[in-house]
PDB file of all heavy atoms in Angstrom:
ATOM      1  N   ALA A   1       2.553   2.412  -8.005  1.00  0.00           N
ATOM      2  CA  ALA A   1       3.234   1.132  -8.270  1.00  0.00           C
ATOM      3  C   ALA A   1       4.596   1.330  -8.942  1.00  0.00           C
ATOM      4  O   ALA A   1       5.414   0.406  -8.924  1.00  0.00           O
ATOM      5  CB  ALA A   1       2.343   0.253  -9.135  1.00  0.00           C
ATOM      6  N   ASP A   2       4.850   2.501  -9.524  1.00  0.00           N
ATOM      7  CA  ASP A   2       6.153   2.749 -10.164  1.00  0.00           C
ATOM      8  C   ASP A   2       7.078   3.585  -9.290  1.00  0.00           C
ATOM      9  O   ASP A   2       8.122   4.034  -9.759  1.00  0.00           O
ATOM     10  CB  ASP A   2       5.968   3.422 -11.516  1.00  0.00           C
ATOM     11  CG  ASP A   2       5.354   4.823 -11.408  1.00  0.00           C
ATOM     12  OD1 ASP A   2       4.882   5.183 -10.291  1.00  0.00           O
ATOM     13  OD2 ASP A   2       5.333   5.552 -12.409  1.00  0.00           O
ATOM     14  N   HIS A   3       6.710   3.742  -8.013  1.00  0.00           N
ATOM     15  CA  HIS A   3       7.513   4.553  -7.088  1.00  0.00           C
ATOM     16  C   HIS A   3       8.477   3.628  -6.352  1.00  0.00           C
ATOM     17  O   HIS A   3       8.067   2.765  -5.574  1.00  0.00           O
ATOM     18  CB  HIS A   3       6.549   5.249  -6.097  1.00  0.00           C
ATOM     19  CG  HIS A   3       7.221   6.115  -5.091  1.00  0.00           C
ATOM     20  ND1 HIS A   3       7.202   5.817  -3.752  1.00  0.00           N
ATOM     21  CD2 HIS A   3       7.920   7.254  -5.208  1.00  0.00           C
ATOM     22  CE1 HIS A   3       7.864   6.729  -3.068  1.00  0.00           C
ATOM     23  NE2 HIS A   3       8.302   7.617  -3.931  1.00  0.00           N
ATOM     24  N   MET A   4       9.797   3.810  -6.578  1.00  0.00           N
ATOM     25  CA  MET A   4      10.776   2.864  -6.085  1.00  0.00           C
ATOM     26  C   MET A   4      10.791   2.677  -4.555  1.00  0.00           C
ATOM     27  O   MET A   4      10.859   1.546  -4.089  1.00  0.00           O
ATOM     28  CB  MET A   4      12.177   3.266  -6.575  1.00  0.00           C
ATOM     29  CG  MET A   4      12.503   2.755  -7.972  1.00  0.00           C
ATOM     30  SD  MET A   4      12.362   0.946  -8.140  1.00  0.00           S
ATOM     31  CE  MET A   4      13.524   0.353  -6.928  1.00  0.00           C
ATOM     32  N   PRO A   5      10.734   3.731  -3.738  1.00  0.00           N
ATOM     33  CA  PRO A   5      10.677   3.490  -2.308  1.00  0.00           C
ATOM     34  C   PRO A   5       9.439   2.662  -1.910  1.00  0.00           C
ATOM     35  O   PRO A   5       9.508   1.828  -1.006  1.00  0.00           O
ATOM     36  CB  PRO A   5      10.614   4.906  -1.695  1.00  0.00           C
ATOM     37  CG  PRO A   5      11.338   5.745  -2.710  1.00  0.00           C
ATOM     38  CD  PRO A   5      10.924   5.165  -4.028  1.00  0.00           C
ATOM     39  N   SER A   6       8.316   2.878  -2.601  1.00  0.00           N
ATOM     40  CA  SER A   6       7.110   2.071  -2.321  1.00  0.00           C
ATOM     41  C   SER A   6       7.321   0.627  -2.755  1.00  0.00           C
ATOM     42  O   SER A   6       6.864  -0.303  -2.096  1.00  0.00           O
ATOM     43  CB  SER A   6       5.909   2.675  -3.069  1.00  0.00           C
ATOM     44  OG  SER A   6       5.604   3.961  -2.563  1.00  0.00           O
ATOM     45  N   ILE A   7       8.030   0.437  -3.867  1.00  0.00           N
ATOM     46  CA  ILE A   7       8.327  -0.906  -4.328  1.00  0.00           C
ATOM     47  C   ILE A   7       9.178  -1.636  -3.308  1.00  0.00           C
ATOM     48  O   ILE A   7       8.957  -2.825  -3.001  1.00  0.00           O
ATOM     49  CB  ILE A   7       9.037  -0.871  -5.703  1.00  0.00           C
ATOM     50  CG1 ILE A   7       8.058  -0.377  -6.782  1.00  0.00           C
ATOM     51  CG2 ILE A   7       9.591  -2.242  -6.079  1.00  0.00           C
ATOM     52  CD1 ILE A   7       8.705  -0.122  -8.132  1.00  0.00           C
ATOM     53  N   ARG A   8      10.142  -0.935  -2.742  1.00  0.00           N
ATOM     54  CA  ARG A   8      10.992  -1.545  -1.709  1.00  0.00           C
ATOM     55  C   ARG A   8      10.171  -1.946  -0.486  1.00  0.00           C
ATOM     56  O   ARG A   8      10.353  -3.030   0.078  1.00  0.00           O
ATOM     57  CB  ARG A   8      12.100  -0.600  -1.305  1.00  0.00           C
ATOM     58  CG  ARG A   8      13.269  -0.561  -2.281  1.00  0.00           C
ATOM     59  CD  ARG A   8      14.387   0.281  -1.705  1.00  0.00           C
ATOM     60  NE  ARG A   8      15.603   0.156  -2.489  1.00  0.00           N
ATOM     61  CZ  ARG A   8      16.737   0.766  -2.204  1.00  0.00           C
ATOM     62  NH1 ARG A   8      16.820   1.522  -1.138  1.00  0.00           N
ATOM     63  NH2 ARG A   8      17.799   0.602  -2.964  1.00  0.00           N
ATOM     64  N   LYS A   9       9.282  -1.085  -0.069  1.00  0.00           N
ATOM     65  CA  LYS A   9       8.434  -1.424   1.088  1.00  0.00           C
ATOM     66  C   LYS A   9       7.547  -2.611   0.764  1.00  0.00           C
ATOM     67  O   LYS A   9       7.336  -3.505   1.594  1.00  0.00           O
ATOM     68  CB  LYS A   9       7.587  -0.202   1.467  1.00  0.00           C
ATOM     69  CG  LYS A   9       8.386   0.974   2.062  1.00  0.00           C
ATOM     70  CD  LYS A   9       7.457   2.105   2.441  1.00  0.00           C
ATOM     71  CE  LYS A   9       8.222   3.255   3.101  1.00  0.00           C
ATOM     72  NZ  LYS A   9       9.059   3.998   2.155  1.00  0.00           N
ATOM     73  N   LEU A  10       6.995  -2.633  -0.461  1.00  0.00           N
ATOM     74  CA  LEU A  10       6.121  -3.722  -0.863  1.00  0.00           C
ATOM     75  C   LEU A  10       6.894  -5.052  -0.870  1.00  0.00           C
ATOM     76  O   LEU A  10       6.385  -6.088  -0.411  1.00  0.00           O
ATOM     77  CB  LEU A  10       5.540  -3.440  -2.265  1.00  0.00           C
ATOM     78  CG  LEU A  10       4.724  -4.562  -2.889  1.00  0.00           C
ATOM     79  CD1 LEU A  10       3.546  -4.936  -2.031  1.00  0.00           C
ATOM     80  CD2 LEU A  10       4.265  -4.140  -4.292  1.00  0.00           C
ATOM     81  N   GLU A  11       8.107  -5.040  -1.420  1.00  0.00           N
ATOM     82  CA  GLU A  11       8.922  -6.261  -1.466  1.00  0.00           C
ATOM     83  C   GLU A  11       9.194  -6.788  -0.053  1.00  0.00           C
ATOM     84  O   GLU A  11       9.144  -8.002   0.173  1.00  0.00           O
ATOM     85  CB  GLU A  11      10.217  -5.993  -2.206  1.00  0.00           C
ATOM     86  CG  GLU A  11      10.032  -5.772  -3.719  1.00  0.00           C
ATOM     87  CD  GLU A  11      11.329  -5.382  -4.411  1.00  0.00           C
ATOM     88  OE1 GLU A  11      12.283  -5.019  -3.706  1.00  0.00           O
ATOM     89  OE2 GLU A  11      11.353  -5.425  -5.658  1.00  0.00           O
ATOM     90  N   ALA A  12       9.484  -5.892   0.871  1.00  0.00           N
ATOM     91  CA  ALA A  12       9.730  -6.320   2.252  1.00  0.00           C
ATOM     92  C   ALA A  12       8.456  -6.879   2.878  1.00  0.00           C
ATOM     93  O   ALA A  12       8.511  -7.880   3.624  1.00  0.00           O
ATOM     94  CB  ALA A  12      10.253  -5.142   3.084  1.00  0.00           C
ATOM     95  N   PHE A  13       7.341  -6.255   2.577  1.00  0.00           N
ATOM     96  CA  PHE A  13       6.049  -6.703   3.097  1.00  0.00           C
ATOM     97  C   PHE A  13       5.708  -8.093   2.573  1.00  0.00           C
ATOM     98  O   PHE A  13       5.293  -8.979   3.345  1.00  0.00           O
ATOM     99  CB  PHE A  13       4.972  -5.682   2.705  1.00  0.00           C
ATOM    100  CG  PHE A  13       3.607  -5.919   3.291  1.00  0.00           C
ATOM    101  CD1 PHE A  13       3.371  -5.738   4.635  1.00  0.00           C
ATOM    102  CD2 PHE A  13       2.537  -6.322   2.478  1.00  0.00           C
ATOM    103  CE1 PHE A  13       2.119  -5.939   5.192  1.00  0.00           C
ATOM    104  CE2 PHE A  13       1.280  -6.519   3.011  1.00  0.00           C
ATOM    105  CZ  PHE A  13       1.064  -6.335   4.369  1.00  0.00           C
ATOM    106  N   ARG A  14       5.892  -8.286   1.291  1.00  0.00           N
ATOM    107  CA  ARG A  14       5.620  -9.604   0.685  1.00  0.00           C
ATOM    108  C   ARG A  14       6.558 -10.658   1.251  1.00  0.00           C
ATOM    109  O   ARG A  14       6.156 -11.788   1.535  1.00  0.00           O
ATOM    110  CB  ARG A  14       5.805  -9.529  -0.829  1.00  0.00           C
ATOM    111  CG  ARG A  14       4.827  -8.612  -1.564  1.00  0.00           C
ATOM    112  CD  ARG A  14       3.469  -9.192  -1.679  1.00  0.00           C
ATOM    113  NE  ARG A  14       2.662  -8.504  -2.684  1.00  0.00           N
ATOM    114  CZ  ARG A  14       1.354  -8.393  -2.627  1.00  0.00           C
ATOM    115  NH1 ARG A  14       0.684  -8.890  -1.597  1.00  0.00           N
ATOM    116  NH2 ARG A  14       0.680  -7.774  -3.580  1.00  0.00           N
ATOM    117  N   ALA A  15       7.843 -10.317   1.380  1.00  0.00           N
ATOM    118  CA  ALA A  15       8.822 -11.266   1.888  1.00  0.00           C
ATOM    119  C   ALA A  15       8.481 -11.735   3.300  1.00  0.00           C
ATOM    120  O   ALA A  15       8.820 -12.859   3.701  1.00  0.00           O
ATOM    121  CB  ALA A  15      10.215 -10.647   1.864  1.00  0.00           C
ATOM    122  N   ALA A  16       7.806 -10.864   4.055  1.00  0.00           N
ATOM    123  CA  ALA A  16       7.424 -11.202   5.434  1.00  0.00           C
ATOM    124  C   ALA A  16       6.047 -11.859   5.514  1.00  0.00           C
ATOM    125  O   ALA A  16       5.514 -12.049   6.606  1.00  0.00           O
ATOM    126  CB  ALA A  16       7.463  -9.957   6.311  1.00  0.00           C
ATOM    127  N   GLY A  17       5.480 -12.175   4.361  1.00  0.00           N
ATOM    128  CA  GLY A  17       4.190 -12.850   4.348  1.00  0.00           C
ATOM    129  C   GLY A  17       2.982 -11.961   4.233  1.00  0.00           C
ATOM    130  O   GLY A  17       1.844 -12.459   4.267  1.00  0.00           O
ATOM    131  N   GLY A  18       3.156 -10.666   4.037  1.00  0.00           N
ATOM    132  CA  GLY A  18       2.022  -9.764   3.866  1.00  0.00           C
ATOM    133  C   GLY A  18       1.371  -9.923   2.507  1.00  0.00           C
ATOM    134  O   GLY A  18       2.047 -10.200   1.512  1.00  0.00           O
ATOM    135  N   GLU A  19       0.061  -9.746   2.468  1.00  0.00           N
ATOM    136  CA  GLU A  19      -0.677  -9.957   1.210  1.00  0.00           C
ATOM    137  C   GLU A  19      -1.550  -8.767   0.798  1.00  0.00           C
ATOM    138  O   GLU A  19      -1.676  -8.473  -0.371  1.00  0.00           O
ATOM    139  CB  GLU A  19      -1.551 -11.207   1.314  1.00  0.00           C
ATOM    140  CG  GLU A  19      -0.761 -12.487   1.514  1.00  0.00           C
ATOM    141  CD  GLU A  19      -1.685 -13.691   1.594  1.00  0.00           C
ATOM    142  OE1 GLU A  19      -2.926 -13.501   1.566  1.00  0.00           O
ATOM    143  OE2 GLU A  19      -1.168 -14.822   1.699  1.00  0.00           O
ATOM    144  N   LEU A  20      -2.147  -8.093   1.767  1.00  0.00           N
ATOM    145  CA  LEU A  20      -3.139  -7.044   1.461  1.00  0.00           C
ATOM    146  C   LEU A  20      -2.442  -5.707   1.219  1.00  0.00           C
ATOM    147  O   LEU A  20      -1.895  -5.119   2.143  1.00  0.00           O
ATOM    148  CB  LEU A  20      -4.140  -6.937   2.590  1.00  0.00           C
ATOM    149  CG  LEU A  20      -4.930  -8.220   2.889  1.00  0.00           C
ATOM    150  CD1 LEU A  20      -5.748  -8.072   4.153  1.00  0.00           C
ATOM    151  CD2 LEU A  20      -5.851  -8.544   1.700  1.00  0.00           C
ATOM    152  N   VAL A  21      -2.484  -5.230  -0.025  1.00  0.00           N
ATOM    153  CA  VAL A  21      -1.742  -4.019  -0.412  1.00  0.00           C
ATOM    154  C   VAL A  21      -2.626  -3.109  -1.227  1.00  0.00           C
ATOM    155  O   VAL A  21      -3.379  -3.560  -2.092  1.00  0.00           O
ATOM    156  CB  VAL A  21      -0.478  -4.383  -1.251  1.00  0.00           C
ATOM    157  CG1 VAL A  21       0.245  -3.111  -1.684  1.00  0.00           C
ATOM    158  CG2 VAL A  21       0.452  -5.281  -0.446  1.00  0.00           C
ATOM    159  N   GLU A  22      -2.508  -1.799  -0.981  1.00  0.00           N
ATOM    160  CA  GLU A  22      -3.184  -0.780  -1.782  1.00  0.00           C
ATOM    161  C   GLU A  22      -2.182   0.303  -2.161  1.00  0.00           C
ATOM    162  O   GLU A  22      -1.473   0.825  -1.297  1.00  0.00           O
ATOM    163  CB  GLU A  22      -4.355  -0.137  -1.022  1.00  0.00           C
ATOM    164  CG  GLU A  22      -5.516  -1.075  -0.779  1.00  0.00           C
ATOM    165  CD  GLU A  22      -6.246  -1.501  -2.054  1.00  0.00           C
ATOM    166  OE1 GLU A  22      -6.171  -0.737  -3.048  1.00  0.00           O
ATOM    167  OE2 GLU A  22      -6.870  -2.577  -2.046  1.00  0.00           O
ATOM    168  N   HIS A  23      -2.131   0.632  -3.455  1.00  0.00           N
ATOM    169  CA  HIS A  23      -1.320   1.732  -3.949  1.00  0.00           C
ATOM    170  C   HIS A  23      -2.185   2.983  -4.086  1.00  0.00           C
ATOM    171  O   HIS A  23      -3.380   2.887  -4.437  1.00  0.00           O
ATOM    172  CB  HIS A  23      -0.723   1.397  -5.323  1.00  0.00           C
ATOM    173  CG  HIS A  23       0.318   0.334  -5.290  1.00  0.00           C
ATOM    174  ND1 HIS A  23       1.615   0.587  -4.912  1.00  0.00           N
ATOM    175  CD2 HIS A  23       0.249  -0.994  -5.553  1.00  0.00           C
ATOM    176  CE1 HIS A  23       2.321  -0.542  -4.970  1.00  0.00           C
ATOM    177  NE2 HIS A  23       1.506  -1.520  -5.344  1.00  0.00           N
ATOM    178  N   THR A  24      -1.587   4.142  -3.827  1.00  0.00           N
ATOM    179  CA  THR A  24      -2.356   5.377  -3.926  1.00  0.00           C
ATOM    180  C   THR A  24      -1.385   6.555  -4.097  1.00  0.00           C
ATOM    181  O   THR A  24      -0.170   6.374  -4.108  1.00  0.00           O
ATOM    182  CB  THR A  24      -3.211   5.569  -2.657  1.00  0.00           C
ATOM    183  OG1 THR A  24      -4.082   6.702  -2.854  1.00  0.00           O
ATOM    184  CG2 THR A  24      -2.337   5.815  -1.426  1.00  0.00           C
ATOM    185  N   MET A  25      -1.939   7.734  -4.235  1.00  0.00           N
ATOM    186  CA  MET A  25      -1.117   8.941  -4.285  1.00  0.00           C
ATOM    187  C   MET A  25      -0.684   9.334  -2.867  1.00  0.00           C
ATOM    188  O   MET A  25      -1.375   9.037  -1.902  1.00  0.00           O
ATOM    189  CB  MET A  25      -1.891  10.096  -4.933  1.00  0.00           C
ATOM    190  CG  MET A  25      -2.344   9.816  -6.340  1.00  0.00           C
ATOM    191  SD  MET A  25      -0.998   9.317  -7.433  1.00  0.00           S
ATOM    192  CE  MET A  25       0.008  10.807  -7.446  1.00  0.00           C
ATOM    193  N   HIS A  26       0.454  10.012  -2.783  1.00  0.00           N
ATOM    194  CA  HIS A  26       0.977  10.398  -1.459  1.00  0.00           C
ATOM    195  C   HIS A  26       0.218  11.615  -0.932  1.00  0.00           C
ATOM    196  O   HIS A  26       0.658  12.752  -1.112  1.00  0.00           O
ATOM    197  CB  HIS A  26       2.483  10.692  -1.548  1.00  0.00           C
ATOM    198  CG  HIS A  26       3.322   9.464  -1.567  1.00  0.00           C
ATOM    199  ND1 HIS A  26       3.979   9.037  -2.687  1.00  0.00           N
ATOM    200  CD2 HIS A  26       3.603   8.560  -0.578  1.00  0.00           C
ATOM    201  CE1 HIS A  26       4.647   7.917  -2.409  1.00  0.00           C
ATOM    202  NE2 HIS A  26       4.419   7.615  -1.150  1.00  0.00           N
ATOM    203  N   SER A  27      -0.882  11.385  -0.274  1.00  0.00           N
ATOM    204  CA  SER A  27      -1.666  12.467   0.296  1.00  0.00           C
ATOM    205  C   SER A  27      -2.603  11.892   1.348  1.00  0.00           C
ATOM    206  O   SER A  27      -2.832  10.670   1.397  1.00  0.00           O
ATOM    207  CB  SER A  27      -2.491  13.182  -0.777  1.00  0.00           C
ATOM    208  OG  SER A  27      -3.467  12.290  -1.320  1.00  0.00           O
ATOM    209  N   LEU A  28      -3.136  12.765   2.191  1.00  0.00           N
ATOM    210  CA  LEU A  28      -4.089  12.332   3.183  1.00  0.00           C
ATOM    211  C   LEU A  28      -5.317  11.719   2.506  1.00  0.00           C
ATOM    212  O   LEU A  28      -5.823  10.673   2.944  1.00  0.00           O
ATOM    213  CB  LEU A  28      -4.495  13.510   4.083  1.00  0.00           C
ATOM    214  CG  LEU A  28      -5.340  13.201   5.322  1.00  0.00           C
ATOM    215  CD1 LEU A  28      -5.026  14.202   6.426  1.00  0.00           C
ATOM    216  CD2 LEU A  28      -6.822  13.241   5.019  1.00  0.00           C
ATOM    217  N   GLU A  29      -5.768  12.345   1.420  1.00  0.00           N
ATOM    218  CA  GLU A  29      -6.938  11.834   0.713  1.00  0.00           C
ATOM    219  C   GLU A  29      -6.661  10.467   0.084  1.00  0.00           C
ATOM    220  O   GLU A  29      -7.508   9.589   0.104  1.00  0.00           O
ATOM    221  CB  GLU A  29      -7.350  12.813  -0.382  1.00  0.00           C
ATOM    222  CG  GLU A  29      -7.901  14.140   0.129  1.00  0.00           C
ATOM    223  CD  GLU A  29      -6.797  15.093   0.632  1.00  0.00           C
ATOM    224  OE1 GLU A  29      -5.608  14.843   0.315  1.00  0.00           O
ATOM    225  OE2 GLU A  29      -7.135  16.065   1.343  1.00  0.00           O
ATOM    226  N   GLY A  30      -5.431  10.323  -0.431  1.00  0.00           N
ATOM    227  CA  GLY A  30      -5.061   9.026  -0.993  1.00  0.00           C
ATOM    228  C   GLY A  30      -5.042   7.943   0.072  1.00  0.00           C
ATOM    229  O   GLY A  30      -5.481   6.808  -0.164  1.00  0.00           O
ATOM    230  N   GLY A  31      -4.498   8.282   1.239  1.00  0.00           N
ATOM    231  CA  GLY A  31      -4.480   7.344   2.336  1.00  0.00           C
ATOM    232  C   GLY A  31      -5.880   6.930   2.784  1.00  0.00           C
ATOM    233  O   GLY A  31      -6.135   5.761   3.086  1.00  0.00           O
ATOM    234  N   HIS A  32      -6.777   7.906   2.811  1.00  0.00           N
ATOM    235  CA  HIS A  32      -8.161   7.622   3.187  1.00  0.00           C
ATOM    236  C   HIS A  32      -8.802   6.625   2.223  1.00  0.00           C
ATOM    237  O   HIS A  32      -9.398   5.611   2.638  1.00  0.00           O
ATOM    238  CB  HIS A  32      -8.971   8.926   3.213  1.00  0.00           C
ATOM    239  CG  HIS A  32     -10.408   8.744   3.527  1.00  0.00           C
ATOM    240  ND1 HIS A  32     -11.364   8.494   2.563  1.00  0.00           N
ATOM    241  CD2 HIS A  32     -11.107   8.771   4.703  1.00  0.00           C
ATOM    242  CE1 HIS A  32     -12.548   8.379   3.101  1.00  0.00           C
ATOM    243  NE2 HIS A  32     -12.419   8.548   4.411  1.00  0.00           N
ATOM    244  N   ALA A  33      -8.670   6.887   0.933  1.00  0.00           N
ATOM    245  CA  ALA A  33      -9.302   6.026  -0.074  1.00  0.00           C
ATOM    246  C   ALA A  33      -8.721   4.611  -0.059  1.00  0.00           C
ATOM    247  O   ALA A  33      -9.445   3.617  -0.139  1.00  0.00           O
ATOM    248  CB  ALA A  33      -9.138   6.644  -1.464  1.00  0.00           C
ATOM    249  N   ALA A  34      -7.401   4.516   0.056  1.00  0.00           N
ATOM    250  CA  ALA A  34      -6.754   3.205   0.050  1.00  0.00           C
ATOM    251  C   ALA A  34      -7.060   2.415   1.321  1.00  0.00           C
ATOM    252  O   ALA A  34      -7.367   1.208   1.268  1.00  0.00           O
ATOM    253  CB  ALA A  34      -5.255   3.363  -0.124  1.00  0.00           C
ATOM    254  N   ALA A  35      -6.981   3.084   2.465  1.00  0.00           N
ATOM    255  CA  ALA A  35      -7.212   2.400   3.736  1.00  0.00           C
ATOM    256  C   ALA A  35      -8.657   1.930   3.868  1.00  0.00           C
ATOM    257  O   ALA A  35      -8.924   0.892   4.475  1.00  0.00           O
ATOM    258  CB  ALA A  35      -6.854   3.330   4.904  1.00  0.00           C
ATOM    259  N   LEU A  36      -9.579   2.700   3.274  1.00  0.00           N
ATOM    260  CA  LEU A  36     -10.979   2.297   3.343  1.00  0.00           C
ATOM    261  C   LEU A  36     -11.188   0.927   2.703  1.00  0.00           C
ATOM    262  O   LEU A  36     -11.978   0.104   3.191  1.00  0.00           O
ATOM    263  CB  LEU A  36     -11.858   3.351   2.651  1.00  0.00           C
ATOM    264  CG  LEU A  36     -13.366   3.221   2.871  1.00  0.00           C
ATOM    265  CD1 LEU A  36     -13.717   3.250   4.363  1.00  0.00           C
ATOM    266  CD2 LEU A  36     -14.101   4.350   2.134  1.00  0.00           C
ATOM    267  N   LYS A  37     -10.455   0.672   1.606  1.00  0.00           N
ATOM    268  CA  LYS A  37     -10.558  -0.646   0.949  1.00  0.00           C
ATOM    269  C   LYS A  37     -10.044  -1.736   1.877  1.00  0.00           C
ATOM    270  O   LYS A  37     -10.596  -2.840   1.923  1.00  0.00           O
ATOM    271  CB  LYS A  37      -9.764  -0.645  -0.338  1.00  0.00           C
ATOM    272  CG  LYS A  37     -10.282   0.317  -1.411  1.00  0.00           C
ATOM    273  CD  LYS A  37      -9.396   0.291  -2.647  1.00  0.00           C
ATOM    274  CE  LYS A  37      -9.885   1.287  -3.699  1.00  0.00           C
ATOM    275  NZ  LYS A  37      -8.997   1.275  -4.893  1.00  0.00           N
ATOM    276  N   LEU A  38      -8.978  -1.462   2.613  1.00  0.00           N
ATOM    277  CA  LEU A  38      -8.433  -2.455   3.517  1.00  0.00           C
ATOM    278  C   LEU A  38      -9.340  -2.680   4.718  1.00  0.00           C
ATOM    279  O   LEU A  38      -9.530  -3.825   5.176  1.00  0.00           O
ATOM    280  CB  LEU A  38      -7.040  -2.007   4.007  1.00  0.00           C
ATOM    281  CG  LEU A  38      -5.942  -1.956   2.932  1.00  0.00           C
ATOM    282  CD1 LEU A  38      -4.675  -1.365   3.526  1.00  0.00           C
ATOM    283  CD2 LEU A  38      -5.673  -3.335   2.379  1.00  0.00           C
ATOM    284  N   VAL A  39      -9.917  -1.596   5.243  1.00  0.00           N
ATOM    285  CA  VAL A  39     -10.845  -1.718   6.386  1.00  0.00           C
ATOM    286  C   VAL A  39     -12.017  -2.602   6.018  1.00  0.00           C
ATOM    287  O   VAL A  39     -12.503  -3.412   6.824  1.00  0.00           O
ATOM    288  CB  VAL A  39     -11.293  -0.320   6.852  1.00  0.00           C
ATOM    289  CG1 VAL A  39     -12.415  -0.456   7.860  1.00  0.00           C
ATOM    290  CG2 VAL A  39     -10.117   0.435   7.475  1.00  0.00           C
ATOM    291  N   ARG A  40     -12.495  -2.447   4.783  1.00  0.00           N
ATOM    292  CA  ARG A  40     -13.626  -3.267   4.321  1.00  0.00           C
ATOM    293  C   ARG A  40     -13.250  -4.741   4.158  1.00  0.00           C
ATOM    294  O   ARG A  40     -14.116  -5.593   4.011  1.00  0.00           O
ATOM    295  CB  ARG A  40     -14.162  -2.705   3.012  1.00  0.00           C
ATOM    296  CG  ARG A  40     -14.913  -1.366   3.190  1.00  0.00           C
ATOM    297  CD  ARG A  40     -15.214  -0.705   1.885  1.00  0.00           C
ATOM    298  NE  ARG A  40     -15.977   0.527   2.085  1.00  0.00           N
ATOM    299  CZ  ARG A  40     -16.184   1.435   1.129  1.00  0.00           C
ATOM    300  NH1 ARG A  40     -15.645   1.252  -0.082  1.00  0.00           N
ATOM    301  NH2 ARG A  40     -16.879   2.529   1.390  1.00  0.00           N
ATOM    302  N   GLN A  41     -11.924  -5.012   4.169  1.00  0.00           N
ATOM    303  CA  GLN A  41     -11.456  -6.406   4.134  1.00  0.00           C
ATOM    304  C   GLN A  41     -11.086  -6.886   5.527  1.00  0.00           C
ATOM    305  O   GLN A  41     -10.423  -7.921   5.694  1.00  0.00           O
ATOM    306  CB  GLN A  41     -10.241  -6.513   3.196  1.00  0.00           C
ATOM    307  CG  GLN A  41     -10.546  -6.161   1.744  1.00  0.00           C
ATOM    308  CD  GLN A  41      -9.315  -6.220   0.874  1.00  0.00           C
ATOM    309  OE1 GLN A  41      -8.765  -7.294   0.628  1.00  0.00           O
ATOM    310  NE2 GLN A  41      -8.858  -5.062   0.397  1.00  0.00           N
TER     311      GLN A  41
END
């Protein structure tokens, strides 16, 4: 959440009406854990 490029992407996503967001570490494992939460939604 304190990573500026991620903040920029999040702001663009919100501005376009996106709501479902997960923050994680930049790794394959991080992507797996975060995406699993979204898939369950």
